[in-house]
Amino acid sequence: MGTNLILDKSIQFAIKIIKVYQSLRFDKKEYVMSKQLLKAGTSIGANMKEAIQAQSKKDFLSKTNIALKEASETEYWIDILMKTNYLDEKDNSLLNDCIEINKILQTIVKTTKKNLNKM
């Protein structure tokens, strides 16, 4: 992949999300929560891709904030799917990846806000 850590991680995460979605839909016949997971989990990278092409620091912050919100929502759906036994122990890496992405995005948002306030 490229040299942007969060974009690379979010793309790899989206690929995992798509595979989990397919498993939930076709193997476990779960249609509602899996769709929510798919939408939120794949939009993290899409928003970061937009953030990289932002027109300004404020635009970058806005897109990154949206990515953070989507990552937080994705973590919620993974948690719910685990607690309802649609996902199990083997899916812990998905949750760990999501938590890591959340932490990276939180740091980016915090740093960007700090830098904007200095201007």
C-alpha atoms as a PDB file:
ATOM      1  CA  MET A   1       0.000   0.000   0.000  1.00  0.00           C
ATOM      2  CA  GLY A   2       0.956   3.671   0.196  1.00  0.00           C
ATOM      3  CA  THR A   3       2.644   5.623   2.921  1.00  0.00           C
ATOM      4  CA  ASN A   4      -0.418   6.806   4.852  1.00  0.00           C
ATOM      5  CA  LEU A   5      -0.714   4.586   7.927  1.00  0.00           C
ATOM      6  CA  ILE A   6      -4.351   5.294   8.783  1.00  0.00           C
ATOM      7  CA  LEU A   7      -5.516   5.014   5.178  1.00  0.00           C
ATOM      8  CA  ASP A   8      -3.658   1.720   4.747  1.00  0.00           C
ATOM      9  CA  LYS A   9      -5.052   0.348   8.013  1.00  0.00           C
ATOM     10  CA  SER A  10      -8.588   1.452   7.197  1.00  0.00           C
ATOM     11  CA  ILE A  11      -8.460  -0.170   3.742  1.00  0.00           C
ATOM     12  CA  GLN A  12      -7.227  -3.458   5.210  1.00  0.00           C
ATOM     13  CA  PHE A  13      -9.906  -3.169   7.890  1.00  0.00           C
ATOM     14  CA  ALA A  14     -12.605  -2.569   5.251  1.00  0.00           C
ATOM     15  CA  ILE A  15     -11.541  -5.758   3.480  1.00  0.00           C
ATOM     16  CA  LYS A  16     -11.932  -7.697   6.748  1.00  0.00           C
ATOM     17  CA  ILE A  17     -15.313  -6.055   7.346  1.00  0.00           C
ATOM     18  CA  ILE A  18     -16.525  -7.090   3.888  1.00  0.00           C
ATOM     19  CA  LYS A  19     -15.503 -10.702   4.557  1.00  0.00           C
ATOM     20  CA  VAL A  20     -17.227 -10.693   7.951  1.00  0.00           C
ATOM     21  CA  TYR A  21     -20.319  -9.150   6.352  1.00  0.00           C
ATOM     22  CA  GLN A  22     -20.418 -11.909   3.742  1.00  0.00           C
ATOM     23  CA  SER A  23     -20.116 -14.558   6.447  1.00  0.00           C
ATOM     24  CA  LEU A  24     -22.857 -12.965   8.560  1.00  0.00           C
ATOM     25  CA  ARG A  25     -25.199 -12.672   5.566  1.00  0.00           C
ATOM     26  CA  PHE A  26     -24.661 -16.028   3.946  1.00  0.00           C
ATOM     27  CA  ASP A  27     -23.624 -18.326   6.791  1.00  0.00           C
ATOM     28  CA  LYS A  28     -25.556 -16.902   9.724  1.00  0.00           C
ATOM     29  CA  LYS A  29     -28.454 -15.294   7.839  1.00  0.00           C
ATOM     30  CA  GLU A  30     -28.050 -12.007   9.743  1.00  0.00           C
ATOM     31  CA  TYR A  31     -29.151  -9.102   7.560  1.00  0.00           C
ATOM     32  CA  VAL A  32     -29.688  -5.945   9.628  1.00  0.00           C
ATOM     33  CA  MET A  33     -26.688  -5.580  11.955  1.00  0.00           C
ATOM     34  CA  SER A  34     -24.340  -6.919   9.288  1.00  0.00           C
ATOM     35  CA  LYS A  35     -25.434  -4.153   6.908  1.00  0.00           C
ATOM     36  CA  GLN A  36     -24.816  -1.514   9.606  1.00  0.00           C
ATOM     37  CA  LEU A  37     -21.367  -3.011  10.218  1.00  0.00           C
ATOM     38  CA  LEU A  38     -20.606  -2.973   6.494  1.00  0.00           C
ATOM     39  CA  LYS A  39     -21.644   0.649   6.036  1.00  0.00           C
ATOM     40  CA  ALA A  40     -19.779   1.987   9.061  1.00  0.00           C
ATOM     41  CA  GLY A  41     -16.700  -0.211   8.691  1.00  0.00           C
ATOM     42  CA  THR A  42     -16.077   0.584   5.042  1.00  0.00           C
ATOM     43  CA  SER A  43     -16.766   4.303   5.341  1.00  0.00           C
ATOM     44  CA  ILE A  44     -13.779   4.876   7.661  1.00  0.00           C
ATOM     45  CA  GLY A  45     -11.333   4.546   4.783  1.00  0.00           C
ATOM     46  CA  ALA A  46     -13.570   6.433   2.365  1.00  0.00           C
ATOM     47  CA  ASN A  47     -13.652   9.393   4.718  1.00  0.00           C
ATOM     48  CA  MET A  48      -9.895   9.256   5.270  1.00  0.00           C
ATOM     49  CA  LYS A  49      -9.362   9.171   1.517  1.00  0.00           C
ATOM     50  CA  GLU A  50     -11.459  12.348   1.313  1.00  0.00           C
ATOM     51  CA  ALA A  51      -9.557  13.869   4.247  1.00  0.00           C
ATOM     52  CA  ILE A  52      -6.258  13.386   2.439  1.00  0.00           C
ATOM     53  CA  GLN A  53      -7.672  15.425  -0.471  1.00  0.00           C
ATOM     54  CA  ALA A  54      -9.134  18.076   1.852  1.00  0.00           C
ATOM     55  CA  GLN A  55      -9.307  21.668   0.666  1.00  0.00           C
ATOM     56  CA  SER A  56      -8.221  23.050   4.035  1.00  0.00           C
ATOM     57  CA  LYS A  57      -7.175  22.042   7.547  1.00  0.00           C
ATOM     58  CA  LYS A  58     -10.783  22.557   8.685  1.00  0.00           C
ATOM     59  CA  ASP A  59     -12.028  20.298   5.884  1.00  0.00           C
ATOM     60  CA  PHE A  60      -9.404  17.710   6.866  1.00  0.00           C
ATOM     61  CA  LEU A  61     -10.572  17.878  10.486  1.00  0.00           C
ATOM     62  CA  SER A  62     -14.203  17.523   9.458  1.00  0.00           C
ATOM     63  CA  LYS A  63     -13.569  14.421   7.315  1.00  0.00           C
ATOM     64  CA  THR A  64     -11.315  12.885   9.962  1.00  0.00           C
ATOM     65  CA  ASN A  65     -13.981  13.493  12.599  1.00  0.00           C
ATOM     66  CA  ILE A  66     -16.504  11.683  10.411  1.00  0.00           C
ATOM     67  CA  ALA A  67     -14.073   8.768  10.037  1.00  0.00           C
ATOM     68  CA  LEU A  68     -13.683   8.702  13.832  1.00  0.00           C
ATOM     69  CA  LYS A  69     -17.458   8.610  14.304  1.00  0.00           C
ATOM     70  CA  GLU A  70     -17.743   5.756  11.800  1.00  0.00           C
ATOM     71  CA  ALA A  71     -14.947   3.853  13.562  1.00  0.00           C
ATOM     72  CA  SER A  72     -16.731   4.322  16.873  1.00  0.00           C
ATOM     73  CA  GLU A  73     -19.990   3.069  15.361  1.00  0.00           C
ATOM     74  CA  THR A  74     -18.165   0.095  13.847  1.00  0.00           C
ATOM     75  CA  GLU A  75     -16.751  -0.793  17.266  1.00  0.00           C
ATOM     76  CA  TYR A  76     -20.305  -0.657  18.637  1.00  0.00           C
ATOM     77  CA  TRP A  77     -21.641  -3.076  15.993  1.00  0.00           C
ATOM     78  CA  ILE A  78     -18.741  -5.489  16.493  1.00  0.00           C
ATOM     79  CA  ASP A  79     -19.407  -5.432  20.248  1.00  0.00           C
ATOM     80  CA  ILE A  80     -23.143  -6.077  19.758  1.00  0.00           C
ATOM     81  CA  LEU A  81     -22.478  -8.868  17.254  1.00  0.00           C
ATOM     82  CA  MET A  82     -20.054 -10.489  19.698  1.00  0.00           C
ATOM     83  CA  LYS A  83     -22.461 -10.203  22.622  1.00  0.00           C
ATOM     84  CA  THR A  84     -25.217 -11.825  20.548  1.00  0.00           C
ATOM     85  CA  ASN A  85     -22.888 -14.629  19.401  1.00  0.00           C
ATOM     86  CA  TYR A  86     -22.956 -13.717  15.729  1.00  0.00           C
ATOM     87  CA  LEU A  87     -19.228 -13.104  16.100  1.00  0.00           C
ATOM     88  CA  ASP A  88     -16.984 -15.112  18.404  1.00  0.00           C
ATOM     89  CA  GLU A  89     -13.464 -15.304  19.844  1.00  0.00           C
ATOM     90  CA  LYS A  90     -11.887 -15.688  16.400  1.00  0.00           C
ATOM     91  CA  ASP A  91     -13.231 -12.241  15.572  1.00  0.00           C
ATOM     92  CA  ASN A  92     -11.337 -10.564  18.438  1.00  0.00           C
ATOM     93  CA  SER A  93      -8.720  -9.373  15.945  1.00  0.00           C
ATOM     94  CA  LEU A  94     -11.453  -7.412  14.154  1.00  0.00           C
ATOM     95  CA  LEU A  95     -12.358  -5.672  17.399  1.00  0.00           C
ATOM     96  CA  ASN A  96      -8.679  -5.040  18.210  1.00  0.00           C
ATOM     97  CA  ASP A  97      -8.102  -3.555  14.743  1.00  0.00           C
ATOM     98  CA  CYS A  98     -11.110  -1.289  15.209  1.00  0.00           C
ATOM     99  CA  ILE A  99      -9.903  -0.126  18.619  1.00  0.00           C
ATOM    100  CA  GLU A 100      -6.462   0.623  17.142  1.00  0.00           C
ATOM    101  CA  ILE A 101      -8.000   2.628  14.277  1.00  0.00           C
ATOM    102  CA  ASN A 102     -10.128   4.542  16.795  1.00  0.00           C
ATOM    103  CA  LYS A 103      -7.039   5.451  18.824  1.00  0.00           C
ATOM    104  CA  ILE A 104      -5.113   6.607  15.754  1.00  0.00           C
ATOM    105  CA  LEU A 105      -8.045   8.712  14.567  1.00  0.00           C
ATOM    106  CA  GLN A 106      -8.501  10.229  18.044  1.00  0.00           C
ATOM    107  CA  THR A 107      -4.851  11.266  17.998  1.00  0.00           C
ATOM    108  CA  ILE A 108      -5.123  12.753  14.505  1.00  0.00           C
ATOM    109  CA  VAL A 109      -8.240  14.723  15.473  1.00  0.00           C
ATOM    110  CA  LYS A 110      -6.697  15.956  18.730  1.00  0.00           C
ATOM    111  CA  THR A 111      -3.450  17.013  17.028  1.00  0.00           C
ATOM    112  CA  THR A 112      -5.277  18.701  14.150  1.00  0.00           C
ATOM    113  CA  LYS A 113      -7.523  20.646  16.547  1.00  0.00           C
ATOM    114  CA  LYS A 114      -4.453  21.719  18.536  1.00  0.00           C
ATOM    115  CA  ASN A 115      -2.685  22.892  15.371  1.00  0.00           C
ATOM    116  CA  LEU A 116      -5.787  24.762  14.167  1.00  0.00           C
ATOM    117  CA  ASN A 117      -6.038  26.589  17.483  1.00  0.00           C
ATOM    118  CA  LYS A 118      -2.442  27.790  17.070  1.00  0.00           C
ATOM    119  CA  MET A 119      -3.280  29.525  13.793  1.00  0.00           C
END
